[in-house]
Amino acid sequence: MGAVTYPDEKAAKFIDLNFIPVQIPTSNEALMAKYVVKWTPTLLVLDADGREHYRAVGFFTPDELIASFMVGKGHWYLDNEQFPEAKGMFEEVQAVYPESEAAAEALFFNGVTRYKMTHDPKVLREAHDNLNAKFPKSMWTKQAAHYRLISK
């Protein structure tokens, strides 16, 4: 990723504006063990206390990297019960990167966020229906399969 993705101006700007990037060499066995890194690249979104909020493994194009980190930021908001911010981040991924791998995850967790905000299970059913329509083969659609049992 160092040859194509990280040097990309758009990706670099997004990371600089939203995160404190740290690249850990694989020779740092203590951190590799602490964060259970088994393959590189592994991208982690951590908070100031080092708690993990998101993990992605593998190589990404610049746009996929941005979309993935946006989902990671949405997870941070969700984990910190900043629901309007999480909802906005997940919706932005779907709007800006609708064909990305991250869009399905964003759609799933947007449903979770909306449920946390409203306690209305119908938003989970809506998330399932949208996932099934847009991403029928996604693992996130499979994870939401039981939401189809919620009445409309």
N, C-alpha and C. Protein backbone atom coordinates (compact mmCIF):
# COMPACT_ATOMS: atom_id res chain seq x y z
N MET A 1 0.82 -1.19 0.00
CA MET A 1 0.00 0.00 0.00
C MET A 1 0.86 1.25 0.00
N GLY A 2 2.09 1.09 0.41
CA GLY A 2 2.98 2.24 0.45
C GLY A 2 3.32 2.79 -0.92
N ALA A 3 3.18 1.98 -1.95
CA ALA A 3 3.53 2.43 -3.29
C ALA A 3 2.38 3.17 -3.98
N VAL A 4 1.13 2.81 -3.68
CA VAL A 4 0.00 3.38 -4.40
C VAL A 4 -0.97 4.10 -3.48
N THR A 5 -1.43 3.45 -2.44
CA THR A 5 -2.53 3.97 -1.64
C THR A 5 -2.11 5.11 -0.72
N TYR A 6 -1.10 4.90 0.09
CA TYR A 6 -0.72 5.95 1.04
C TYR A 6 -0.25 7.24 0.37
N PRO A 7 0.49 7.17 -0.73
CA PRO A 7 0.92 8.41 -1.37
C PRO A 7 -0.21 9.15 -2.11
N ASP A 8 -1.35 8.51 -2.32
CA ASP A 8 -2.46 9.17 -3.00
C ASP A 8 -2.87 10.42 -2.22
N GLU A 9 -2.95 11.54 -2.91
CA GLU A 9 -3.21 12.82 -2.25
C GLU A 9 -4.54 12.83 -1.51
N LYS A 10 -5.58 12.31 -2.13
CA LYS A 10 -6.90 12.28 -1.50
C LYS A 10 -6.90 11.41 -0.24
N ALA A 11 -6.28 10.24 -0.32
CA ALA A 11 -6.22 9.34 0.84
C ALA A 11 -5.39 9.95 1.96
N ALA A 12 -4.24 10.51 1.60
CA ALA A 12 -3.36 11.13 2.60
C ALA A 12 -4.06 12.28 3.31
N LYS A 13 -4.76 13.11 2.54
CA LYS A 13 -5.46 14.25 3.13
C LYS A 13 -6.56 13.77 4.09
N PHE A 14 -7.33 12.76 3.66
CA PHE A 14 -8.40 12.23 4.52
C PHE A 14 -7.82 11.70 5.84
N ILE A 15 -6.77 10.92 5.74
CA ILE A 15 -6.16 10.36 6.95
C ILE A 15 -5.63 11.46 7.85
N ASP A 16 -4.93 12.43 7.28
CA ASP A 16 -4.38 13.52 8.08
C ASP A 16 -5.45 14.35 8.77
N LEU A 17 -6.60 14.53 8.14
CA LEU A 17 -7.68 15.32 8.72
C LEU A 17 -8.48 14.58 9.78
N ASN A 18 -8.44 13.25 9.75
CA ASN A 18 -9.33 12.46 10.60
C ASN A 18 -8.65 11.56 11.62
N PHE A 19 -7.36 11.30 11.44
CA PHE A 19 -6.69 10.33 12.30
C PHE A 19 -5.27 10.79 12.61
N ILE A 20 -4.68 10.12 13.57
CA ILE A 20 -3.25 10.25 13.83
C ILE A 20 -2.64 8.96 13.32
N PRO A 21 -2.11 8.97 12.09
CA PRO A 21 -1.61 7.72 11.52
C PRO A 21 -0.30 7.27 12.15
N VAL A 22 -0.22 5.99 12.42
CA VAL A 22 0.99 5.39 12.96
C VAL A 22 1.22 4.09 12.20
N GLN A 23 2.40 3.94 11.67
CA GLN A 23 2.75 2.70 10.99
C GLN A 23 3.73 1.94 11.87
N ILE A 24 3.34 0.74 12.23
CA ILE A 24 4.14 -0.09 13.14
C ILE A 24 4.89 -1.13 12.31
N PRO A 25 6.19 -1.21 12.46
CA PRO A 25 6.92 -2.26 11.72
C PRO A 25 6.58 -3.64 12.29
N THR A 26 6.56 -4.62 11.42
CA THR A 26 6.22 -5.98 11.86
C THR A 26 7.24 -6.54 12.84
N SER A 27 8.40 -5.92 12.90
CA SER A 27 9.41 -6.36 13.86
C SER A 27 9.05 -5.98 15.30
N ASN A 28 8.05 -5.12 15.50
CA ASN A 28 7.62 -4.75 16.84
C ASN A 28 6.68 -5.85 17.35
N GLU A 29 7.27 -6.91 17.84
CA GLU A 29 6.51 -8.09 18.23
C GLU A 29 5.54 -7.82 19.38
N ALA A 30 5.87 -6.90 20.26
CA ALA A 30 4.98 -6.60 21.39
C ALA A 30 3.65 -6.02 20.89
N LEU A 31 3.71 -5.04 20.00
CA LEU A 31 2.47 -4.45 19.49
C LEU A 31 1.74 -5.40 18.54
N MET A 32 2.49 -6.17 17.79
CA MET A 32 1.85 -7.15 16.90
C MET A 32 1.05 -8.16 17.75
N ALA A 33 1.61 -8.56 18.88
CA ALA A 33 0.92 -9.49 19.77
C ALA A 33 -0.24 -8.81 20.49
N LYS A 34 -0.02 -7.60 20.99
CA LYS A 34 -1.06 -6.87 21.72
C LYS A 34 -2.32 -6.71 20.88
N TYR A 35 -2.13 -6.37 19.59
CA TYR A 35 -3.28 -6.13 18.72
C TYR A 35 -3.61 -7.33 17.81
N VAL A 36 -3.00 -8.47 18.10
CA VAL A 36 -3.27 -9.72 17.40
C VAL A 36 -3.22 -9.52 15.88
N VAL A 37 -2.14 -8.93 15.42
CA VAL A 37 -1.94 -8.73 13.99
C VAL A 37 -1.29 -9.99 13.43
N LYS A 38 -2.03 -10.65 12.56
CA LYS A 38 -1.55 -11.91 11.97
C LYS A 38 -1.18 -11.74 10.51
N TRP A 39 -1.60 -10.63 9.89
CA TRP A 39 -1.36 -10.41 8.47
C TRP A 39 -1.22 -8.92 8.22
N THR A 40 -0.43 -8.56 7.24
CA THR A 40 -0.29 -7.15 6.91
C THR A 40 -0.72 -6.92 5.47
N PRO A 41 -1.24 -5.75 5.20
CA PRO A 41 -1.48 -4.69 6.18
C PRO A 41 -2.74 -4.95 7.00
N THR A 42 -2.68 -4.57 8.24
CA THR A 42 -3.84 -4.55 9.13
C THR A 42 -4.03 -3.10 9.55
N LEU A 43 -5.23 -2.59 9.29
CA LEU A 43 -5.56 -1.22 9.65
C LEU A 43 -6.43 -1.25 10.90
N LEU A 44 -6.05 -0.49 11.89
CA LEU A 44 -6.80 -0.43 13.13
C LEU A 44 -7.22 1.01 13.40
N VAL A 45 -8.43 1.17 13.92
CA VAL A 45 -8.87 2.46 14.44
C VAL A 45 -8.92 2.28 15.95
N LEU A 46 -8.05 2.99 16.63
CA LEU A 46 -7.93 2.91 18.08
C LEU A 46 -8.32 4.24 18.69
N ASP A 47 -8.73 4.22 19.95
CA ASP A 47 -8.95 5.48 20.65
C ASP A 47 -7.68 5.86 21.40
N ALA A 48 -7.75 6.95 22.13
CA ALA A 48 -6.57 7.46 22.83
C ALA A 48 -6.04 6.49 23.87
N ASP A 49 -6.90 5.58 24.35
CA ASP A 49 -6.48 4.59 25.34
C ASP A 49 -5.99 3.30 24.70
N GLY A 50 -5.95 3.27 23.36
CA GLY A 50 -5.48 2.08 22.66
C GLY A 50 -6.53 1.01 22.47
N ARG A 51 -7.81 1.32 22.78
CA ARG A 51 -8.89 0.35 22.55
C ARG A 51 -9.25 0.33 21.07
N GLU A 52 -9.41 -0.86 20.56
CA GLU A 52 -9.74 -1.03 19.15
C GLU A 52 -11.23 -0.83 18.90
N HIS A 53 -11.53 -0.04 17.85
CA HIS A 53 -12.92 0.18 17.45
C HIS A 53 -13.21 -0.37 16.06
N TYR A 54 -12.16 -0.64 15.30
CA TYR A 54 -12.35 -1.13 13.93
C TYR A 54 -11.07 -1.76 13.44
N ARG A 55 -11.25 -2.78 12.58
CA ARG A 55 -10.10 -3.50 12.01
C ARG A 55 -10.43 -3.86 10.57
N ALA A 56 -9.46 -3.65 9.71
CA ALA A 56 -9.57 -4.07 8.31
C ALA A 56 -8.23 -4.67 7.91
N VAL A 57 -8.28 -5.75 7.16
CA VAL A 57 -7.07 -6.46 6.77
C VAL A 57 -7.00 -6.55 5.25
N GLY A 58 -5.84 -6.24 4.71
CA GLY A 58 -5.62 -6.39 3.28
C GLY A 58 -5.25 -5.08 2.61
N PHE A 59 -4.98 -5.20 1.33
CA PHE A 59 -4.61 -4.03 0.55
C PHE A 59 -5.87 -3.33 0.05
N PHE A 60 -5.83 -2.00 -0.02
CA PHE A 60 -6.97 -1.20 -0.43
C PHE A 60 -6.55 -0.21 -1.50
N THR A 61 -7.45 0.04 -2.44
CA THR A 61 -7.26 1.19 -3.33
C THR A 61 -7.45 2.44 -2.48
N PRO A 62 -7.04 3.60 -2.96
CA PRO A 62 -7.26 4.82 -2.17
C PRO A 62 -8.72 5.02 -1.77
N ASP A 63 -9.66 4.86 -2.70
CA ASP A 63 -11.07 5.06 -2.35
C ASP A 63 -11.57 4.02 -1.35
N GLU A 64 -11.15 2.77 -1.51
CA GLU A 64 -11.55 1.73 -0.55
C GLU A 64 -10.95 2.01 0.83
N LEU A 65 -9.73 2.53 0.86
CA LEU A 65 -9.11 2.87 2.13
C LEU A 65 -9.91 3.97 2.84
N ILE A 66 -10.26 5.01 2.09
CA ILE A 66 -11.04 6.11 2.69
C ILE A 66 -12.38 5.59 3.18
N ALA A 67 -13.09 4.84 2.35
CA ALA A 67 -14.39 4.30 2.77
C ALA A 67 -14.26 3.42 4.00
N SER A 68 -13.23 2.60 4.04
CA SER A 68 -13.02 1.71 5.19
C SER A 68 -12.74 2.53 6.46
N PHE A 69 -11.89 3.54 6.34
CA PHE A 69 -11.61 4.37 7.51
C PHE A 69 -12.83 5.18 7.94
N MET A 70 -13.68 5.56 6.98
CA MET A 70 -14.92 6.24 7.34
C MET A 70 -15.81 5.32 8.17
N VAL A 71 -15.90 4.05 7.77
CA VAL A 71 -16.65 3.08 8.56
C VAL A 71 -16.01 2.95 9.94
N GLY A 72 -14.69 2.92 9.99
CA GLY A 72 -13.99 2.85 11.27
C GLY A 72 -14.31 4.02 12.17
N LYS A 73 -14.37 5.21 11.59
CA LYS A 73 -14.74 6.40 12.36
C LYS A 73 -16.19 6.30 12.83
N GLY A 74 -17.06 5.76 11.97
CA GLY A 74 -18.44 5.53 12.37
C GLY A 74 -18.54 4.58 13.55
N HIS A 75 -17.71 3.54 13.54
CA HIS A 75 -17.68 2.60 14.67
C HIS A 75 -17.23 3.30 15.94
N TRP A 76 -16.25 4.18 15.83
CA TRP A 76 -15.79 4.91 17.02
C TRP A 76 -16.95 5.73 17.59
N TYR A 77 -17.66 6.44 16.71
CA TYR A 77 -18.82 7.22 17.17
C TYR A 77 -19.87 6.30 17.81
N LEU A 78 -20.17 5.19 17.15
CA LEU A 78 -21.17 4.26 17.67
C LEU A 78 -20.76 3.71 19.04
N ASP A 79 -19.51 3.29 19.16
CA ASP A 79 -19.02 2.76 20.43
C ASP A 79 -19.06 3.79 21.55
N ASN A 80 -18.97 5.06 21.18
CA ASN A 80 -19.00 6.14 22.17
C ASN A 80 -20.38 6.78 22.29
N GLU A 81 -21.38 6.09 21.76
CA GLU A 81 -22.78 6.50 21.83
C GLU A 81 -23.02 7.91 21.28
N GLN A 82 -22.23 8.27 20.30
CA GLN A 82 -22.45 9.52 19.56
C GLN A 82 -23.24 9.14 18.30
N PHE A 83 -24.50 8.81 18.52
CA PHE A 83 -25.31 8.20 17.48
C PHE A 83 -25.56 9.10 16.26
N PRO A 84 -25.87 10.37 16.43
CA PRO A 84 -26.06 11.20 15.23
C PRO A 84 -24.80 11.27 14.36
N GLU A 85 -23.64 11.34 14.99
CA GLU A 85 -22.39 11.39 14.25
C GLU A 85 -22.12 10.05 13.54
N ALA A 86 -22.41 8.94 14.24
CA ALA A 86 -22.23 7.62 13.63
C ALA A 86 -23.16 7.48 12.42
N LYS A 87 -24.40 7.84 12.60
CA LYS A 87 -25.38 7.76 11.51
C LYS A 87 -24.90 8.58 10.32
N GLY A 88 -24.45 9.79 10.58
CA GLY A 88 -23.96 10.65 9.50
C GLY A 88 -22.77 10.05 8.78
N MET A 89 -21.84 9.45 9.51
CA MET A 89 -20.66 8.86 8.90
C MET A 89 -21.04 7.65 8.05
N PHE A 90 -21.92 6.78 8.58
CA PHE A 90 -22.33 5.61 7.82
C PHE A 90 -23.10 6.02 6.56
N GLU A 91 -23.92 7.05 6.67
CA GLU A 91 -24.67 7.53 5.51
C GLU A 91 -23.74 8.15 4.47
N GLU A 92 -22.71 8.83 4.93
CA GLU A 92 -21.75 9.43 4.01
C GLU A 92 -21.01 8.36 3.20
N VAL A 93 -20.64 7.26 3.85
CA VAL A 93 -19.99 6.16 3.13
C VAL A 93 -20.92 5.66 2.02
N GLN A 94 -22.19 5.46 2.36
CA GLN A 94 -23.14 4.97 1.37
C GLN A 94 -23.35 5.95 0.23
N ALA A 95 -23.31 7.25 0.52
CA ALA A 95 -23.54 8.26 -0.50
C ALA A 95 -22.32 8.48 -1.39
N VAL A 96 -21.13 8.52 -0.79
CA VAL A 96 -19.92 8.86 -1.53
C VAL A 96 -19.27 7.64 -2.16
N TYR A 97 -19.37 6.50 -1.49
CA TYR A 97 -18.73 5.27 -1.97
C TYR A 97 -19.74 4.12 -2.05
N PRO A 98 -20.85 4.30 -2.80
CA PRO A 98 -21.93 3.31 -2.78
C PRO A 98 -21.55 1.94 -3.34
N GLU A 99 -20.51 1.86 -4.14
CA GLU A 99 -20.09 0.59 -4.72
C GLU A 99 -18.94 -0.06 -3.95
N SER A 100 -18.48 0.57 -2.90
CA SER A 100 -17.35 0.06 -2.14
C SER A 100 -17.75 -1.13 -1.29
N GLU A 101 -16.76 -1.92 -0.92
CA GLU A 101 -16.99 -3.02 0.02
C GLU A 101 -17.50 -2.48 1.36
N ALA A 102 -17.06 -1.30 1.72
CA ALA A 102 -17.43 -0.70 3.00
C ALA A 102 -18.89 -0.26 3.04
N ALA A 103 -19.49 -0.04 1.89
CA ALA A 103 -20.87 0.47 1.86
C ALA A 103 -21.85 -0.51 2.50
N ALA A 104 -21.67 -1.80 2.29
CA ALA A 104 -22.57 -2.78 2.90
C ALA A 104 -22.44 -2.76 4.43
N GLU A 105 -21.22 -2.70 4.91
CA GLU A 105 -21.02 -2.62 6.36
C GLU A 105 -21.62 -1.33 6.91
N ALA A 106 -21.45 -0.24 6.19
CA ALA A 106 -22.01 1.04 6.62
C ALA A 106 -23.53 0.96 6.68
N LEU A 107 -24.14 0.31 5.70
CA LEU A 107 -25.59 0.16 5.69
C LEU A 107 -26.06 -0.67 6.88
N PHE A 108 -25.37 -1.76 7.16
CA PHE A 108 -25.71 -2.60 8.32
C PHE A 108 -25.63 -1.79 9.61
N PHE A 109 -24.49 -1.11 9.82
CA PHE A 109 -24.32 -0.39 11.08
C PHE A 109 -25.13 0.89 11.15
N ASN A 110 -25.55 1.42 10.02
CA ASN A 110 -26.48 2.53 10.06
C ASN A 110 -27.81 2.06 10.64
N GLY A 111 -28.22 0.84 10.27
CA GLY A 111 -29.42 0.27 10.87
C GLY A 111 -29.28 0.08 12.38
N VAL A 112 -28.12 -0.43 12.79
CA VAL A 112 -27.85 -0.62 14.22
C VAL A 112 -27.90 0.73 14.95
N THR A 113 -27.26 1.73 14.36
CA THR A 113 -27.23 3.07 14.96
C THR A 113 -28.64 3.64 15.07
N ARG A 114 -29.40 3.52 14.00
CA ARG A 114 -30.78 4.05 14.02
C ARG A 114 -31.62 3.32 15.09
N TYR A 115 -31.39 2.01 15.24
CA TYR A 115 -32.09 1.28 16.29
C TYR A 115 -31.70 1.82 17.67
N LYS A 116 -30.41 2.05 17.87
CA LYS A 116 -29.94 2.56 19.17
C LYS A 116 -30.56 3.93 19.46
N MET A 117 -30.78 4.72 18.40
CA MET A 117 -31.35 6.06 18.57
C MET A 117 -32.85 6.02 18.86
N THR A 118 -33.57 5.07 18.21
CA THR A 118 -35.03 5.09 18.26
C THR A 118 -35.64 3.93 19.05
N HIS A 119 -34.90 2.83 19.20
CA HIS A 119 -35.40 1.59 19.80
C HIS A 119 -36.57 1.01 19.01
N ASP A 120 -36.64 1.38 17.72
CA ASP A 120 -37.68 0.87 16.83
C ASP A 120 -37.08 -0.25 15.99
N PRO A 121 -37.51 -1.51 16.21
CA PRO A 121 -36.92 -2.62 15.48
C PRO A 121 -37.18 -2.57 13.97
N LYS A 122 -38.15 -1.79 13.54
CA LYS A 122 -38.44 -1.69 12.11
C LYS A 122 -37.27 -1.12 11.31
N VAL A 123 -36.41 -0.34 11.94
CA VAL A 123 -35.25 0.19 11.21
C VAL A 123 -34.25 -0.92 10.92
N LEU A 124 -34.24 -1.95 11.76
CA LEU A 124 -33.38 -3.11 11.49
C LEU A 124 -33.93 -3.90 10.30
N ARG A 125 -35.23 -4.04 10.23
CA ARG A 125 -35.86 -4.71 9.08
C ARG A 125 -35.56 -3.91 7.81
N GLU A 126 -35.66 -2.61 7.89
CA GLU A 126 -35.37 -1.76 6.74
C GLU A 126 -33.91 -1.92 6.30
N ALA A 127 -33.00 -2.00 7.26
CA ALA A 127 -31.58 -2.22 6.93
C ALA A 127 -31.42 -3.55 6.20
N HIS A 128 -32.08 -4.60 6.72
CA HIS A 128 -32.00 -5.90 6.04
C HIS A 128 -32.52 -5.81 4.62
N ASP A 129 -33.68 -5.20 4.44
CA ASP A 129 -34.28 -5.12 3.11
C ASP A 129 -33.37 -4.36 2.15
N ASN A 130 -32.78 -3.27 2.61
CA ASN A 130 -31.86 -2.50 1.77
C ASN A 130 -30.59 -3.28 1.45
N LEU A 131 -30.07 -3.97 2.44
CA LEU A 131 -28.89 -4.81 2.19
C LEU A 131 -29.21 -5.91 1.18
N ASN A 132 -30.34 -6.54 1.35
CA ASN A 132 -30.73 -7.62 0.44
C ASN A 132 -30.90 -7.11 -0.99
N ALA A 133 -31.40 -5.90 -1.13
CA ALA A 133 -31.60 -5.32 -2.47
C ALA A 133 -30.28 -4.87 -3.10
N LYS A 134 -29.41 -4.26 -2.30
CA LYS A 134 -28.19 -3.66 -2.84
C LYS A 134 -26.97 -4.58 -2.81
N PHE A 135 -26.90 -5.43 -1.79
CA PHE A 135 -25.72 -6.29 -1.58
C PHE A 135 -26.16 -7.71 -1.23
N PRO A 136 -26.85 -8.39 -2.14
CA PRO A 136 -27.43 -9.70 -1.78
C PRO A 136 -26.41 -10.76 -1.38
N LYS A 137 -25.17 -10.65 -1.82
CA LYS A 137 -24.16 -11.67 -1.50
C LYS A 137 -23.20 -11.24 -0.38
N SER A 138 -23.44 -10.10 0.22
CA SER A 138 -22.55 -9.58 1.25
C SER A 138 -22.69 -10.35 2.56
N MET A 139 -21.58 -10.45 3.27
CA MET A 139 -21.64 -11.07 4.59
C MET A 139 -22.51 -10.24 5.54
N TRP A 140 -22.62 -8.93 5.28
CA TRP A 140 -23.45 -8.07 6.13
C TRP A 140 -24.94 -8.36 5.91
N THR A 141 -25.30 -8.73 4.70
CA THR A 141 -26.68 -9.14 4.42
C THR A 141 -26.99 -10.42 5.18
N LYS A 142 -26.04 -11.34 5.20
CA LYS A 142 -26.22 -12.58 5.94
C LYS A 142 -26.33 -12.31 7.44
N GLN A 143 -25.52 -11.38 7.92
CA GLN A 143 -25.58 -11.05 9.36
C GLN A 143 -26.92 -10.44 9.74
N ALA A 144 -27.54 -9.75 8.78
CA ALA A 144 -28.82 -9.08 9.06
C ALA A 144 -30.01 -9.98 8.72
N ALA A 145 -29.77 -11.20 8.30
CA ALA A 145 -30.86 -12.07 7.81
C ALA A 145 -31.99 -12.23 8.83
N HIS A 146 -31.66 -12.33 10.08
CA HIS A 146 -32.72 -12.54 11.08
C HIS A 146 -33.62 -11.31 11.25
N TYR A 147 -33.18 -10.14 10.78
CA TYR A 147 -34.01 -8.94 10.85
C TYR A 147 -35.23 -9.05 9.92
N ARG A 148 -35.18 -9.98 8.95
CA ARG A 148 -36.32 -10.14 8.05
C ARG A 148 -37.55 -10.65 8.80
N LEU A 149 -37.35 -11.17 10.00
CA LEU A 149 -38.45 -11.69 10.81
C LEU A 149 -39.23 -10.58 11.51
N ILE A 150 -38.67 -9.38 11.51
CA ILE A 150 -39.34 -8.24 12.14
C ILE A 150 -40.44 -7.75 11.18
N SER A 151 -41.64 -7.59 11.69
CA SER A 151 -42.73 -7.15 10.82
C SER A 151 -42.51 -5.70 10.38
N LYS A 152 -43.02 -5.42 9.18
CA LYS A 152 -42.84 -4.07 8.60
C LYS A 152 -43.74 -3.06 9.22
